Amino acid sequence: MSAGNGDPLEGFDTTIHAPHRLRICALLEAAGEAEFGLVQKNLALSASALSKHVTVLMDAGYVDQRKAVRDTRRRVWLRLTREGRAAYQGHLAALRAIVEPSDQTP
């Protein structure tokens, strides 16, 4: 498994792999952009737990947030960055490579 050989396992990303962060990435990829409260509700996480996971993803450059005031309330919208989308897709490919049977027969 050397670098540069196109091995899908190279895409395995420990930052994304944590279950809640994986679910955040999956939701954001499907939605394009989602309001923090919606993500929180869908994942059944406390605001503080979601915030911690989002911070890890933002520090990795995988998630951006946009803040705005709507209906006199401050809202935060989350979205995957280009790098985040590529990392998420690479991680999914690595997971598939792990769980799918290989073409080799015993």
PDB file of N, CA and C in Angstrom:
ATOM      1  N   MET A   1       0.823  -1.188   0.000  1.00  0.00           N
ATOM      2  CA  MET A   1       0.000   0.000   0.000  1.00  0.00           C
ATOM      3  C   MET A   1       0.863   1.246   0.000  1.00  0.00           C
ATOM      4  N   SER A   2       1.548   1.485  -1.041  1.00  0.00           N
ATOM      5  CA  SER A   2       2.406   2.659  -1.094  1.00  0.00           C
ATOM      6  C   SER A   2       1.636   3.852  -1.618  1.00  0.00           C
ATOM      7  N   ALA A   3       2.118   5.021  -1.232  1.00  0.00           N
ATOM      8  CA  ALA A   3       1.458   6.258  -1.642  1.00  0.00           C
ATOM      9  C   ALA A   3       1.546   6.411  -3.147  1.00  0.00           C
ATOM     10  N   GLY A   4       0.491   6.929  -3.729  1.00  0.00           N
ATOM     11  CA  GLY A   4       0.497   7.227  -5.145  1.00  0.00           C
ATOM     12  C   GLY A   4       0.024   6.097  -6.027  1.00  0.00           C
ATOM     13  N   ASN A   5      -0.353   4.943  -5.433  1.00  0.00           N
ATOM     14  CA  ASN A   5      -0.787   3.838  -6.273  1.00  0.00           C
ATOM     15  C   ASN A   5      -2.294   3.800  -6.453  1.00  0.00           C
ATOM     16  N   GLY A   6      -2.986   4.814  -5.981  1.00  0.00           N
ATOM     17  CA  GLY A   6      -4.427   4.864  -6.145  1.00  0.00           C
ATOM     18  C   GLY A   6      -5.167   3.986  -5.152  1.00  0.00           C
ATOM     19  N   ASP A   7      -4.530   3.573  -4.090  1.00  0.00           N
ATOM     20  CA  ASP A   7      -5.147   2.737  -3.066  1.00  0.00           C
ATOM     21  C   ASP A   7      -6.247   3.529  -2.362  1.00  0.00           C
ATOM     22  N   PRO A   8      -7.506   3.051  -2.445  1.00  0.00           N
ATOM     23  CA  PRO A   8      -8.602   3.795  -1.819  1.00  0.00           C
ATOM     24  C   PRO A   8      -8.458   3.913  -0.303  1.00  0.00           C
ATOM     25  N   LEU A   9      -7.688   3.027   0.319  1.00  0.00           N
ATOM     26  CA  LEU A   9      -7.500   3.112   1.768  1.00  0.00           C
ATOM     27  C   LEU A   9      -6.737   4.364   2.173  1.00  0.00           C
ATOM     28  N   GLU A  10      -6.019   4.961   1.230  1.00  0.00           N
ATOM     29  CA  GLU A  10      -5.315   6.207   1.531  1.00  0.00           C
ATOM     30  C   GLU A  10      -6.287   7.328   1.876  1.00  0.00           C
ATOM     31  N   GLY A  11      -7.543   7.193   1.459  1.00  0.00           N
ATOM     32  CA  GLY A  11      -8.539   8.211   1.742  1.00  0.00           C
ATOM     33  C   GLY A  11      -9.152   8.114   3.124  1.00  0.00           C
ATOM     34  N   PHE A  12      -8.797   7.059   3.871  1.00  0.00           N
ATOM     35  CA  PHE A  12      -9.356   6.905   5.219  1.00  0.00           C
ATOM     36  C   PHE A  12      -8.947   8.112   6.053  1.00  0.00           C
ATOM     37  N   ASP A  13      -9.924   8.769   6.656  1.00  0.00           N
ATOM     38  CA  ASP A  13      -9.684  10.024   7.361  1.00  0.00           C
ATOM     39  C   ASP A  13     -10.179   9.897   8.803  1.00  0.00           C
ATOM     40  N   THR A  14      -9.248   9.874   9.754  1.00  0.00           N
ATOM     41  CA  THR A  14      -9.631   9.700  11.156  1.00  0.00           C
ATOM     42  C   THR A  14     -10.429  10.888  11.692  1.00  0.00           C
ATOM     43  N   THR A  15     -10.261  12.053  11.108  1.00  0.00           N
ATOM     44  CA  THR A  15     -11.051  13.216  11.539  1.00  0.00           C
ATOM     45  C   THR A  15     -12.518  13.011  11.193  1.00  0.00           C
ATOM     46  N   ILE A  16     -12.791  12.520  10.013  1.00  0.00           N
ATOM     47  CA  ILE A  16     -14.173  12.304   9.563  1.00  0.00           C
ATOM     48  C   ILE A  16     -14.749  11.025  10.172  1.00  0.00           C
ATOM     49  N   HIS A  17     -13.912  10.042  10.459  1.00  0.00           N
ATOM     50  CA  HIS A  17     -14.388   8.721  10.838  1.00  0.00           C
ATOM     51  C   HIS A  17     -15.209   8.683  12.132  1.00  0.00           C
ATOM     52  N   ALA A  18     -14.977   9.593  13.052  1.00  0.00           N
ATOM     53  CA  ALA A  18     -15.775   9.604  14.289  1.00  0.00           C
ATOM     54  C   ALA A  18     -17.252   9.641  13.905  1.00  0.00           C
ATOM     55  N   PRO A  19     -18.072   8.768  14.505  1.00  0.00           N
ATOM     56  CA  PRO A  19     -19.462   8.626  14.042  1.00  0.00           C
ATOM     57  C   PRO A  19     -20.255   9.928  13.879  1.00  0.00           C
ATOM     58  N   HIS A  20     -20.193  10.814  14.848  1.00  0.00           N
ATOM     59  CA  HIS A  20     -20.967  12.055  14.719  1.00  0.00           C
ATOM     60  C   HIS A  20     -20.426  12.937  13.598  1.00  0.00           C
ATOM     61  N   ARG A  21     -19.104  12.987  13.449  1.00  0.00           N
ATOM     62  CA  ARG A  21     -18.532  13.807  12.372  1.00  0.00           C
ATOM     63  C   ARG A  21     -18.846  13.206  11.011  1.00  0.00           C
ATOM     64  N   LEU A  22     -18.856  11.889  10.919  1.00  0.00           N
ATOM     65  CA  LEU A  22     -19.237  11.228   9.672  1.00  0.00           C
ATOM     66  C   LEU A  22     -20.683  11.572   9.323  1.00  0.00           C
ATOM     67  N   ARG A  23     -21.560  11.545  10.303  1.00  0.00           N
ATOM     68  CA  ARG A  23     -22.970  11.878  10.069  1.00  0.00           C
ATOM     69  C   ARG A  23     -23.144  13.355   9.706  1.00  0.00           C
ATOM     70  N   ILE A  24     -22.353  14.238  10.321  1.00  0.00           N
ATOM     71  CA  ILE A  24     -22.409  15.658   9.967  1.00  0.00           C
ATOM     72  C   ILE A  24     -22.022  15.831   8.501  1.00  0.00           C
ATOM     73  N   CYS A  25     -20.932  15.197   8.089  1.00  0.00           N
ATOM     74  CA  CYS A  25     -20.485  15.310   6.701  1.00  0.00           C
ATOM     75  C   CYS A  25     -21.530  14.750   5.745  1.00  0.00           C
ATOM     76  N   ALA A  26     -22.125  13.617   6.094  1.00  0.00           N
ATOM     77  CA  ALA A  26     -23.144  13.011   5.224  1.00  0.00           C
ATOM     78  C   ALA A  26     -24.339  13.948   5.075  1.00  0.00           C
ATOM     79  N   LEU A  27     -24.780  14.530   6.171  1.00  0.00           N
ATOM     80  CA  LEU A  27     -25.921  15.442   6.120  1.00  0.00           C
ATOM     81  C   LEU A  27     -25.594  16.677   5.286  1.00  0.00           C
ATOM     82  N   LEU A  28     -24.406  17.246   5.503  1.00  0.00           N
ATOM     83  CA  LEU A  28     -24.035  18.457   4.768  1.00  0.00           C
ATOM     84  C   LEU A  28     -23.806  18.186   3.291  1.00  0.00           C
ATOM     85  N   GLU A  29     -23.294  17.014   2.959  1.00  0.00           N
ATOM     86  CA  GLU A  29     -23.121  16.710   1.536  1.00  0.00           C
ATOM     87  C   GLU A  29     -24.485  16.626   0.855  1.00  0.00           C
ATOM     88  N   ALA A  30     -25.422  15.986   1.513  1.00  0.00           N
ATOM     89  CA  ALA A  30     -26.760  15.842   0.932  1.00  0.00           C
ATOM     90  C   ALA A  30     -27.497  17.179   0.859  1.00  0.00           C
ATOM     91  N   ALA A  31     -27.345  17.998   1.884  1.00  0.00           N
ATOM     92  CA  ALA A  31     -28.098  19.243   1.964  1.00  0.00           C
ATOM     93  C   ALA A  31     -27.416  20.401   1.234  1.00  0.00           C
ATOM     94  N   GLY A  32     -26.124  20.342   1.070  1.00  0.00           N
ATOM     95  CA  GLY A  32     -25.398  21.482   0.523  1.00  0.00           C
ATOM     96  C   GLY A  32     -25.055  22.470   1.618  1.00  0.00           C
ATOM     97  N   GLU A  33     -26.063  22.906   2.333  1.00  0.00           N
ATOM     98  CA  GLU A  33     -25.897  23.818   3.463  1.00  0.00           C
ATOM     99  C   GLU A  33     -27.063  23.558   4.417  1.00  0.00           C
ATOM    100  N   ALA A  34     -26.787  23.599   5.712  1.00  0.00           N
ATOM    101  CA  ALA A  34     -27.852  23.345   6.682  1.00  0.00           C
ATOM    102  C   ALA A  34     -27.668  24.245   7.895  1.00  0.00           C
ATOM    103  N   GLU A  35     -28.771  24.672   8.449  1.00  0.00           N
ATOM    104  CA  GLU A  35     -28.748  25.505   9.647  1.00  0.00           C
ATOM    105  C   GLU A  35     -28.336  24.651  10.838  1.00  0.00           C
ATOM    106  N   PHE A  36     -27.538  25.210  11.712  1.00  0.00           N
ATOM    107  CA  PHE A  36     -26.992  24.497  12.867  1.00  0.00           C
ATOM    108  C   PHE A  36     -28.086  23.762  13.645  1.00  0.00           C
ATOM    109  N   GLY A  37     -29.190  24.431  13.911  1.00  0.00           N
ATOM    110  CA  GLY A  37     -30.288  23.819  14.663  1.00  0.00           C
ATOM    111  C   GLY A  37     -30.876  22.610  13.963  1.00  0.00           C
ATOM    112  N   LEU A  38     -30.933  22.645  12.640  1.00  0.00           N
ATOM    113  CA  LEU A  38     -31.444  21.504  11.876  1.00  0.00           C
ATOM    114  C   LEU A  38     -30.491  20.316  11.989  1.00  0.00           C
ATOM    115  N   VAL A  39     -29.198  20.590  11.887  1.00  0.00           N
ATOM    116  CA  VAL A  39     -28.198  19.528  12.043  1.00  0.00           C
ATOM    117  C   VAL A  39     -28.301  18.940  13.450  1.00  0.00           C
ATOM    118  N   GLN A  40     -28.417  19.813  14.428  1.00  0.00           N
ATOM    119  CA  GLN A  40     -28.529  19.375  15.816  1.00  0.00           C
ATOM    120  C   GLN A  40     -29.745  18.473  16.009  1.00  0.00           C
ATOM    121  N   LYS A  41     -30.862  18.877  15.455  1.00  0.00           N
ATOM    122  CA  LYS A  41     -32.097  18.089  15.584  1.00  0.00           C
ATOM    123  C   LYS A  41     -31.968  16.746  14.878  1.00  0.00           C
ATOM    124  N   ASN A  42     -31.446  16.751  13.660  1.00  0.00           N
ATOM    125  CA  ASN A  42     -31.325  15.516  12.883  1.00  0.00           C
ATOM    126  C   ASN A  42     -30.373  14.509  13.518  1.00  0.00           C
ATOM    127  N   LEU A  43     -29.337  14.996  14.171  1.00  0.00           N
ATOM    128  CA  LEU A  43     -28.362  14.097  14.768  1.00  0.00           C
ATOM    129  C   LEU A  43     -28.637  13.832  16.246  1.00  0.00           C
ATOM    130  N   ALA A  44     -29.639  14.509  16.796  1.00  0.00           N
ATOM    131  CA  ALA A  44     -30.007  14.348  18.207  1.00  0.00           C
ATOM    132  C   ALA A  44     -28.812  14.583  19.134  1.00  0.00           C
ATOM    133  N   LEU A  45     -28.120  15.687  18.889  1.00  0.00           N
ATOM    134  CA  LEU A  45     -26.970  16.072  19.703  1.00  0.00           C
ATOM    135  C   LEU A  45     -27.288  17.351  20.462  1.00  0.00           C
ATOM    136  N   SER A  46     -26.625  17.547  21.577  1.00  0.00           N
ATOM    137  CA  SER A  46     -26.733  18.826  22.268  1.00  0.00           C
ATOM    138  C   SER A  46     -25.984  19.867  21.434  1.00  0.00           C
ATOM    139  N   ALA A  47     -26.309  21.121  21.654  1.00  0.00           N
ATOM    140  CA  ALA A  47     -25.631  22.201  20.919  1.00  0.00           C
ATOM    141  C   ALA A  47     -24.133  22.179  21.206  1.00  0.00           C
ATOM    142  N   SER A  48     -23.762  21.924  22.452  1.00  0.00           N
ATOM    143  CA  SER A  48     -22.336  21.935  22.791  1.00  0.00           C
ATOM    144  C   SER A  48     -21.595  20.767  22.134  1.00  0.00           C
ATOM    145  N   ALA A  49     -22.213  19.581  22.096  1.00  0.00           N
ATOM    146  CA  ALA A  49     -21.568  18.432  21.449  1.00  0.00           C
ATOM    147  C   ALA A  49     -21.410  18.672  19.954  1.00  0.00           C
ATOM    148  N   LEU A  50     -22.464  19.177  19.310  1.00  0.00           N
ATOM    149  CA  LEU A  50     -22.381  19.471  17.881  1.00  0.00           C
ATOM    150  C   LEU A  50     -21.322  20.526  17.617  1.00  0.00           C
ATOM    151  N   SER A  51     -21.289  21.552  18.446  1.00  0.00           N
ATOM    152  CA  SER A  51     -20.305  22.617  18.282  1.00  0.00           C
ATOM    153  C   SER A  51     -18.881  22.075  18.351  1.00  0.00           C
ATOM    154  N   LYS A  52     -18.622  21.161  19.260  1.00  0.00           N
ATOM    155  CA  LYS A  52     -17.282  20.576  19.381  1.00  0.00           C
ATOM    156  C   LYS A  52     -16.904  19.806  18.117  1.00  0.00           C
ATOM    157  N   HIS A  53     -17.836  19.017  17.596  1.00  0.00           N
ATOM    158  CA  HIS A  53     -17.553  18.255  16.373  1.00  0.00           C
ATOM    159  C   HIS A  53     -17.370  19.178  15.177  1.00  0.00           C
ATOM    160  N   VAL A  54     -18.193  20.203  15.084  1.00  0.00           N
ATOM    161  CA  VAL A  54     -18.073  21.161  13.981  1.00  0.00           C
ATOM    162  C   VAL A  54     -16.736  21.886  14.067  1.00  0.00           C
ATOM    163  N   THR A  55     -16.306  22.225  15.270  1.00  0.00           N
ATOM    164  CA  THR A  55     -15.018  22.899  15.437  1.00  0.00           C
ATOM    165  C   THR A  55     -13.874  22.030  14.934  1.00  0.00           C
ATOM    166  N   VAL A  56     -13.910  20.734  15.220  1.00  0.00           N
ATOM    167  CA  VAL A  56     -12.871  19.815  14.722  1.00  0.00           C
ATOM    168  C   VAL A  56     -12.875  19.816  13.195  1.00  0.00           C
ATOM    169  N   LEU A  57     -14.068  19.748  12.601  1.00  0.00           N
ATOM    170  CA  LEU A  57     -14.172  19.740  11.136  1.00  0.00           C
ATOM    171  C   LEU A  57     -13.737  21.071  10.535  1.00  0.00           C
ATOM    172  N   MET A  58     -14.044  22.169  11.199  1.00  0.00           N
ATOM    173  CA  MET A  58     -13.615  23.482  10.713  1.00  0.00           C
ATOM    174  C   MET A  58     -12.098  23.628  10.819  1.00  0.00           C
ATOM    175  N   ASP A  59     -11.526  23.172  11.928  1.00  0.00           N
ATOM    176  CA  ASP A  59     -10.068  23.248  12.101  1.00  0.00           C
ATOM    177  C   ASP A  59      -9.336  22.446  11.038  1.00  0.00           C
ATOM    178  N   ALA A  60      -9.966  21.374  10.560  1.00  0.00           N
ATOM    179  CA  ALA A  60      -9.370  20.554   9.492  1.00  0.00           C
ATOM    180  C   ALA A  60      -9.595  21.178   8.118  1.00  0.00           C
ATOM    181  N   GLY A  61     -10.406  22.233   8.056  1.00  0.00           N
ATOM    182  CA  GLY A  61     -10.704  22.870   6.773  1.00  0.00           C
ATOM    183  C   GLY A  61     -11.831  22.195   6.016  1.00  0.00           C
ATOM    184  N   TYR A  62     -12.615  21.344   6.692  1.00  0.00           N
ATOM    185  CA  TYR A  62     -13.653  20.570   6.029  1.00  0.00           C
ATOM    186  C   TYR A  62     -15.031  21.227   6.060  1.00  0.00           C
ATOM    187  N   VAL A  63     -15.266  22.115   6.996  1.00  0.00           N
ATOM    188  CA  VAL A  63     -16.573  22.751   7.131  1.00  0.00           C
ATOM    189  C   VAL A  63     -16.392  24.254   7.275  1.00  0.00           C
ATOM    190  N   ASP A  64     -17.269  24.996   6.628  1.00  0.00           N
ATOM    191  CA  ASP A  64     -17.362  26.454   6.786  1.00  0.00           C
ATOM    192  C   ASP A  64     -18.678  26.760   7.462  1.00  0.00           C
ATOM    193  N   GLN A  65     -18.707  27.887   8.152  1.00  0.00           N
ATOM    194  CA  GLN A  65     -19.975  28.341   8.711  1.00  0.00           C
ATOM    195  C   GLN A  65     -20.258  29.757   8.254  1.00  0.00           C
ATOM    196  N   ARG A  66     -21.527  30.045   8.129  1.00  0.00           N
ATOM    197  CA  ARG A  66     -21.991  31.377   7.736  1.00  0.00           C
ATOM    198  C   ARG A  66     -22.968  31.825   8.809  1.00  0.00           C
ATOM    199  N   LYS A  67     -22.722  33.013   9.353  1.00  0.00           N
ATOM    200  CA  LYS A  67     -23.591  33.544  10.405  1.00  0.00           C
ATOM    201  C   LYS A  67     -24.410  34.694   9.851  1.00  0.00           C
ATOM    202  N   ALA A  68     -25.659  34.748  10.271  1.00  0.00           N
ATOM    203  CA  ALA A  68     -26.540  35.829   9.837  1.00  0.00           C
ATOM    204  C   ALA A  68     -27.679  35.957  10.845  1.00  0.00           C
ATOM    205  N   VAL A  69     -28.351  37.091  10.792  1.00  0.00           N
ATOM    206  CA  VAL A  69     -29.529  37.295  11.631  1.00  0.00           C
ATOM    207  C   VAL A  69     -30.757  37.074  10.761  1.00  0.00           C
ATOM    208  N   ARG A  70     -31.649  36.227  11.265  1.00  0.00           N
ATOM    209  CA  ARG A  70     -32.879  35.932  10.536  1.00  0.00           C
ATOM    210  C   ARG A  70     -34.010  35.889  11.558  1.00  0.00           C
ATOM    211  N   ASP A  71     -35.079  36.588  11.274  1.00  0.00           N
ATOM    212  CA  ASP A  71     -36.213  36.659  12.202  1.00  0.00           C
ATOM    213  C   ASP A  71     -35.744  37.093  13.589  1.00  0.00           C
ATOM    214  N   THR A  72     -34.892  38.083  13.625  1.00  0.00           N
ATOM    215  CA  THR A  72     -34.299  38.668  14.843  1.00  0.00           C
ATOM    216  C   THR A  72     -33.468  37.676  15.656  1.00  0.00           C
ATOM    217  N   ARG A  73     -33.175  36.506  15.097  1.00  0.00           N
ATOM    218  CA  ARG A  73     -32.343  35.520  15.780  1.00  0.00           C
ATOM    219  C   ARG A  73     -31.062  35.295  14.999  1.00  0.00           C
ATOM    220  N   ARG A  74     -29.995  35.139  15.741  1.00  0.00           N
ATOM    221  CA  ARG A  74     -28.718  34.841  15.098  1.00  0.00           C
ATOM    222  C   ARG A  74     -28.719  33.374  14.681  1.00  0.00           C
ATOM    223  N   ARG A  75     -28.423  33.118  13.426  1.00  0.00           N
ATOM    224  CA  ARG A  75     -28.417  31.756  12.882  1.00  0.00           C
ATOM    225  C   ARG A  75     -27.028  31.437  12.333  1.00  0.00           C
ATOM    226  N   VAL A  76     -26.713  30.161  12.351  1.00  0.00           N
ATOM    227  CA  VAL A  76     -25.444  29.683  11.797  1.00  0.00           C
ATOM    228  C   VAL A  76     -25.771  28.583  10.798  1.00  0.00           C
ATOM    229  N   TRP A  77     -25.246  28.728   9.594  1.00  0.00           N
ATOM    230  CA  TRP A  77     -25.403  27.707   8.557  1.00  0.00           C
ATOM    231  C   TRP A  77     -24.059  27.039   8.345  1.00  0.00           C
ATOM    232  N   LEU A  78     -24.093  25.742   8.126  1.00  0.00           N
ATOM    233  CA  LEU A  78     -22.886  24.949   7.928  1.00  0.00           C
ATOM    234  C   LEU A  78     -22.875  24.363   6.526  1.00  0.00           C
ATOM    235  N   ARG A  79     -21.675  24.222   5.975  1.00  0.00           N
ATOM    236  CA  ARG A  79     -21.532  23.568   4.671  1.00  0.00           C
ATOM    237  C   ARG A  79     -20.154  22.950   4.579  1.00  0.00           C
ATOM    238  N   LEU A  80     -20.050  21.897   3.773  1.00  0.00           N
ATOM    239  CA  LEU A  80     -18.752  21.297   3.511  1.00  0.00           C
ATOM    240  C   LEU A  80     -17.962  22.209   2.581  1.00  0.00           C
ATOM    241  N   THR A  81     -16.670  22.325   2.818  1.00  0.00           N
ATOM    242  CA  THR A  81     -15.794  23.029   1.881  1.00  0.00           C
ATOM    243  C   THR A  81     -15.475  22.066   0.734  1.00  0.00           C
ATOM    244  N   ARG A  82     -14.830  22.567  -0.279  1.00  0.00           N
ATOM    245  CA  ARG A  82     -14.386  21.702  -1.381  1.00  0.00           C
ATOM    246  C   ARG A  82     -13.467  20.603  -0.840  1.00  0.00           C
ATOM    247  N   GLU A  83     -12.556  21.001   0.063  1.00  0.00           N
ATOM    248  CA  GLU A  83     -11.648  20.024   0.671  1.00  0.00           C
ATOM    249  C   GLU A  83     -12.417  19.021   1.522  1.00  0.00           C
ATOM    250  N   GLY A  84     -13.430  19.501   2.223  1.00  0.00           N
ATOM    251  CA  GLY A  84     -14.243  18.630   3.053  1.00  0.00           C
ATOM    252  C   GLY A  84     -15.011  17.611   2.236  1.00  0.00           C
ATOM    253  N   ARG A  85     -15.563  18.070   1.118  1.00  0.00           N
ATOM    254  CA  ARG A  85     -16.307  17.168   0.237  1.00  0.00           C
ATOM    255  C   ARG A  85     -15.370  16.090  -0.326  1.00  0.00           C
ATOM    256  N   ALA A  86     -14.160  16.502  -0.750  1.00  0.00           N
ATOM    257  CA  ALA A  86     -13.189  15.545  -1.292  1.00  0.00           C
ATOM    258  C   ALA A  86     -12.748  14.556  -0.212  1.00  0.00           C
ATOM    259  N   ALA A  87     -12.512  15.047   0.999  1.00  0.00           N
ATOM    260  CA  ALA A  87     -12.099  14.167   2.097  1.00  0.00           C
ATOM    261  C   ALA A  87     -13.218  13.195   2.448  1.00  0.00           C
ATOM    262  N   TYR A  88     -14.456  13.671   2.464  1.00  0.00           N
ATOM    263  CA  TYR A  88     -15.602  12.816   2.770  1.00  0.00           C
ATOM    264  C   TYR A  88     -15.745  11.725   1.706  1.00  0.00           C
ATOM    265  N   GLN A  89     -15.650  12.107   0.435  1.00  0.00           N
ATOM    266  CA  GLN A  89     -15.757  11.124  -0.647  1.00  0.00           C
ATOM    267  C   GLN A  89     -14.610  10.114  -0.578  1.00  0.00           C
ATOM    268  N   GLY A  90     -13.406  10.583  -0.276  1.00  0.00           N
ATOM    269  CA  GLY A  90     -12.267   9.685  -0.134  1.00  0.00           C
ATOM    270  C   GLY A  90     -12.446   8.723   1.030  1.00  0.00           C
ATOM    271  N   HIS A  91     -13.020   9.231   2.108  1.00  0.00           N
ATOM    272  CA  HIS A  91     -13.257   8.383   3.275  1.00  0.00           C
ATOM    273  C   HIS A  91     -14.300   7.312   2.952  1.00  0.00           C
ATOM    274  N   LEU A  92     -15.357   7.695   2.247  1.00  0.00           N
ATOM    275  CA  LEU A  92     -16.373   6.713   1.850  1.00  0.00           C
ATOM    276  C   LEU A  92     -15.765   5.636   0.959  1.00  0.00           C
ATOM    277  N   ALA A  93     -14.902   6.024   0.034  1.00  0.00           N
ATOM    278  CA  ALA A  93     -14.241   5.050  -0.844  1.00  0.00           C
ATOM    279  C   ALA A  93     -13.376   4.097  -0.019  1.00  0.00           C
ATOM    280  N   ALA A  94     -12.693   4.632   0.991  1.00  0.00           N
ATOM    281  CA  ALA A  94     -11.867   3.785   1.846  1.00  0.00           C
ATOM    282  C   ALA A  94     -12.735   2.802   2.627  1.00  0.00           C
ATOM    283  N   LEU A  95     -13.864   3.279   3.148  1.00  0.00           N
ATOM    284  CA  LEU A  95     -14.761   2.382   3.885  1.00  0.00           C
ATOM    285  C   LEU A  95     -15.305   1.284   2.975  1.00  0.00           C
ATOM    286  N   ARG A  96     -15.662   1.643   1.743  1.00  0.00           N
ATOM    287  CA  ARG A  96     -16.142   0.632   0.791  1.00  0.00           C
ATOM    288  C   ARG A  96     -15.054  -0.402   0.507  1.00  0.00           C
ATOM    289  N   ALA A  97     -13.828   0.059   0.345  1.00  0.00           N
ATOM    290  CA  ALA A  97     -12.708  -0.854   0.075  1.00  0.00           C
ATOM    291  C   ALA A  97     -12.482  -1.811   1.242  1.00  0.00           C
ATOM    292  N   ILE A  98     -12.761  -1.359   2.442  1.00  0.00           N
ATOM    293  CA  ILE A  98     -12.586  -2.200   3.622  1.00  0.00           C
ATOM    294  C   ILE A  98     -13.674  -3.264   3.694  1.00  0.00           C
ATOM    295  N   VAL A  99     -14.917  -2.883   3.418  1.00  0.00           N
ATOM    296  CA  VAL A  99     -16.041  -3.808   3.645  1.00  0.00           C
ATOM    297  C   VAL A  99     -16.450  -4.626   2.429  1.00  0.00           C
ATOM    298  N   GLU A 100     -16.112  -4.185   1.239  1.00  0.00           N
ATOM    299  CA  GLU A 100     -16.502  -4.930   0.058  1.00  0.00           C
ATOM    300  C   GLU A 100     -15.527  -6.061  -0.212  1.00  0.00           C
ATOM    301  N   PRO A 101     -16.032  -7.195  -0.669  1.00  0.00           N
ATOM    302  CA  PRO A 101     -15.111  -8.302  -0.976  1.00  0.00           C
ATOM    303  C   PRO A 101     -14.171  -7.923  -2.112  1.00  0.00           C
ATOM    304  N   SER A 102     -12.965  -8.414  -2.026  1.00  0.00           N
ATOM    305  CA  SER A 102     -11.999  -8.134  -3.093  1.00  0.00           C
ATOM    306  C   SER A 102     -12.278  -9.049  -4.275  1.00  0.00           C
ATOM    307  N   ASP A 103     -11.671  -8.735  -5.397  1.00  0.00           N
ATOM    308  CA  ASP A 103     -11.843  -9.543  -6.611  1.00  0.00           C
ATOM    309  C   ASP A 103     -11.041 -10.842  -6.543  1.00  0.00           C
ATOM    310  N   GLN A 104     -10.158 -10.938  -5.564  1.00  0.00           N
ATOM    311  CA  GLN A 104      -9.306 -12.124  -5.442  1.00  0.00           C
ATOM    312  C   GLN A 104     -10.099 -13.250  -4.769  1.00  0.00           C
ATOM    313  N   THR A 105      -9.918 -14.440  -5.290  1.00  0.00           N
ATOM    314  CA  THR A 105     -10.569 -15.605  -4.676  1.00  0.00           C
ATOM    315  C   THR A 105      -9.532 -16.354  -3.839  1.00  0.00           C
ATOM    316  N   PRO A 106      -9.968 -16.941  -2.714  1.00  0.00           N
ATOM    317  CA  PRO A 106      -9.000 -17.644  -1.848  1.00  0.00           C
ATOM    318  C   PRO A 106      -8.429 -18.876  -2.486  1.00  0.00           C
TER     319      PRO A 106
END
